[in-house]
Amino acid sequence: MNKLFLILFLSINVFSQNNEVGSLIGKWNVIDVSIGIPIQGKQDEIQMAKMFLNATFDFKSNNSFELNIKSSNPFAKELKEMTKGTKWKFITKSNMIMIGNKEDNYSIIGVQYLKNEKGQFFKLLESGIMLKVEKS
């Protein structure tokens, strides 16, 4: 009986994880950007937040990743180049999406996926930048 319960629990847990990952697959449009409390001298962070407006995060079912940034900001071009040919993986325990490849331990971009009554958000881990997103 205990074995049956354990198998049932593990199957539900695996299904739940796969379901979460499956819901991430697709194109996500950035519809709004915000930053935590802007600190004096953090103009770079403010500019970086603005460059993500109207960007698209594309999480493909084969774990390939594509970032489309429309901004002409030099950092946007550099980030777009850095993410070419990358993959993504989802860490269920922390709702983290890690972007990169095995060689760099998926460390190019880290995003925390958040969902609440106000919408869905990608929080960029290395900054206070919050991206409001919608799936297209």
Protein backbone atom coordinates (compact mmCIF):
# COMPACT_ATOMS: atom_id res chain seq x y z
CA MET A 1 0.00 0.00 0.00
CA ASN A 2 2.81 2.43 0.89
CA LYS A 3 4.53 1.67 -2.43
CA LEU A 4 1.33 2.39 -4.33
CA PHE A 5 0.92 5.73 -2.52
CA LEU A 6 4.57 6.65 -3.24
CA ILE A 7 4.21 5.80 -6.95
CA LEU A 8 0.97 7.79 -7.17
CA PHE A 9 2.56 10.79 -5.38
CA LEU A 10 5.63 10.73 -7.65
CA SER A 11 3.50 10.47 -10.80
CA ILE A 12 1.35 13.44 -9.78
CA ASN A 13 4.47 15.45 -8.88
CA VAL A 14 6.16 14.67 -12.22
CA PHE A 15 2.94 15.47 -14.12
CA SER A 16 2.63 18.77 -12.26
CA GLN A 17 6.24 19.72 -13.07
CA ASN A 18 5.84 18.79 -16.74
CA ASN A 19 2.60 20.76 -16.88
CA GLU A 20 4.34 23.89 -15.53
CA VAL A 21 7.18 23.53 -18.02
CA GLY A 22 4.68 22.97 -20.80
CA SER A 23 2.85 26.17 -19.96
CA LEU A 24 6.09 28.15 -20.38
CA ILE A 25 6.66 26.94 -23.93
CA GLY A 26 5.86 29.61 -26.48
CA LYS A 27 6.43 33.30 -27.14
CA TRP A 28 6.13 35.78 -24.30
CA ASN A 29 5.78 39.48 -25.11
CA VAL A 30 7.00 42.08 -22.65
CA ILE A 31 4.14 44.54 -22.25
CA ASP A 32 5.46 46.62 -19.35
CA VAL A 33 8.68 47.06 -17.39
CA SER A 34 9.34 48.28 -13.90
CA ILE A 35 12.27 48.51 -11.62
CA GLY A 36 12.44 48.31 -7.84
CA ILE A 37 13.26 51.50 -6.04
CA PRO A 38 15.64 53.31 -8.42
CA ILE A 39 18.89 54.06 -6.66
CA GLN A 40 20.70 57.25 -7.53
CA GLY A 41 23.44 56.46 -10.04
CA LYS A 42 21.63 53.40 -11.42
CA GLN A 43 20.87 54.96 -14.81
CA ASP A 44 22.27 51.87 -16.54
CA GLU A 45 19.67 49.69 -14.84
CA ILE A 46 16.87 52.08 -15.84
CA GLN A 47 18.08 52.06 -19.46
CA MET A 48 18.35 48.27 -19.40
CA ALA A 49 14.77 47.98 -18.12
CA LYS A 50 13.49 50.21 -20.93
CA MET A 51 15.26 48.15 -23.60
CA PHE A 52 13.13 45.11 -22.69
CA LEU A 53 9.85 46.88 -23.49
CA ASN A 54 8.25 45.07 -26.47
CA ALA A 55 10.90 42.34 -26.37
CA THR A 56 9.93 38.72 -26.96
CA PHE A 57 11.15 35.67 -25.04
CA ASP A 58 10.62 32.48 -27.07
CA PHE A 59 10.86 29.21 -25.13
CA LYS A 60 10.73 26.36 -27.65
CA SER A 61 9.62 22.81 -26.84
CA ASN A 62 13.09 21.44 -27.69
CA ASN A 63 14.49 23.79 -25.00
CA SER A 64 15.94 26.21 -27.55
CA PHE A 65 15.63 29.87 -26.63
CA GLU A 66 15.33 33.02 -28.68
CA LEU A 67 15.35 36.61 -27.46
CA ASN A 68 14.06 39.34 -29.74
CA ILE A 69 14.85 42.84 -28.51
CA LYS A 70 13.77 45.75 -30.69
CA SER A 71 15.86 48.33 -28.85
CA SER A 72 18.91 49.86 -30.54
CA ASN A 73 20.68 50.08 -27.17
CA PRO A 74 24.23 48.65 -27.54
CA PHE A 75 23.67 46.35 -24.54
CA ALA A 76 20.48 45.01 -26.20
CA LYS A 77 22.47 44.06 -29.28
CA GLU A 78 25.13 42.42 -27.12
CA LEU A 79 22.56 40.47 -25.10
CA LYS A 80 20.80 39.32 -28.26
CA GLU A 81 24.14 38.07 -29.60
CA MET A 82 24.97 36.34 -26.30
CA THR A 83 21.68 34.43 -26.36
CA LYS A 84 21.99 33.14 -29.92
CA GLY A 85 21.93 29.35 -29.97
CA THR A 86 21.14 29.04 -26.27
CA LYS A 87 18.86 26.66 -24.43
CA TRP A 88 16.63 27.06 -21.40
CA LYS A 89 15.82 24.92 -18.42
CA PHE A 90 13.20 25.33 -15.73
CA ILE A 91 13.95 24.77 -12.06
CA THR A 92 10.58 23.89 -10.58
CA LYS A 93 11.48 24.33 -6.92
CA SER A 94 12.22 28.04 -7.36
CA ASN A 95 10.22 28.86 -10.54
CA MET A 96 13.50 29.84 -12.21
CA ILE A 97 14.17 29.80 -15.91
CA MET A 98 17.88 29.57 -16.61
CA ILE A 99 19.13 30.50 -20.08
CA GLY A 100 22.49 29.52 -21.54
CA ASN A 101 24.03 26.14 -22.28
CA LYS A 102 25.74 23.27 -20.44
CA GLU A 103 29.17 24.86 -20.87
CA ASP A 104 28.20 28.05 -19.01
CA ASN A 105 25.83 26.21 -16.64
CA TYR A 106 22.83 28.09 -18.05
CA SER A 107 24.10 31.35 -16.60
CA ILE A 108 23.57 33.97 -19.34
CA ILE A 109 20.15 35.06 -18.07
CA GLY A 110 18.27 34.00 -14.97
CA VAL A 111 14.56 34.72 -14.77
CA GLN A 112 12.08 34.01 -12.02
CA TYR A 113 8.59 33.30 -13.30
CA LEU A 114 5.87 34.89 -11.15
CA LYS A 115 2.10 34.81 -11.56
CA ASN A 116 -0.51 36.61 -9.48
CA GLU A 117 -3.83 38.42 -9.85
CA LYS A 118 -2.05 41.36 -11.57
CA GLY A 119 -0.59 39.17 -14.31
CA GLN A 120 2.47 37.17 -15.22
CA PHE A 121 5.98 38.44 -14.71
CA PHE A 122 9.61 37.64 -15.44
CA LYS A 123 11.91 38.98 -12.73
CA LEU A 124 15.49 39.32 -13.97
CA LEU A 125 17.64 37.80 -11.25
CA GLU A 126 20.69 40.02 -11.53
CA SER A 127 18.70 43.23 -11.16
CA GLY A 128 15.51 44.70 -9.77
CA ILE A 129 13.91 44.63 -13.20
CA MET A 130 10.41 43.17 -13.43
CA LEU A 131 8.91 42.44 -16.84
CA LYS A 132 5.15 42.08 -17.18
CA VAL A 133 4.59 39.50 -19.89
CA GLU A 134 1.78 37.90 -21.81
CA LYS A 135 1.90 34.77 -23.88
CA SER A 136 1.09 35.23 -27.55
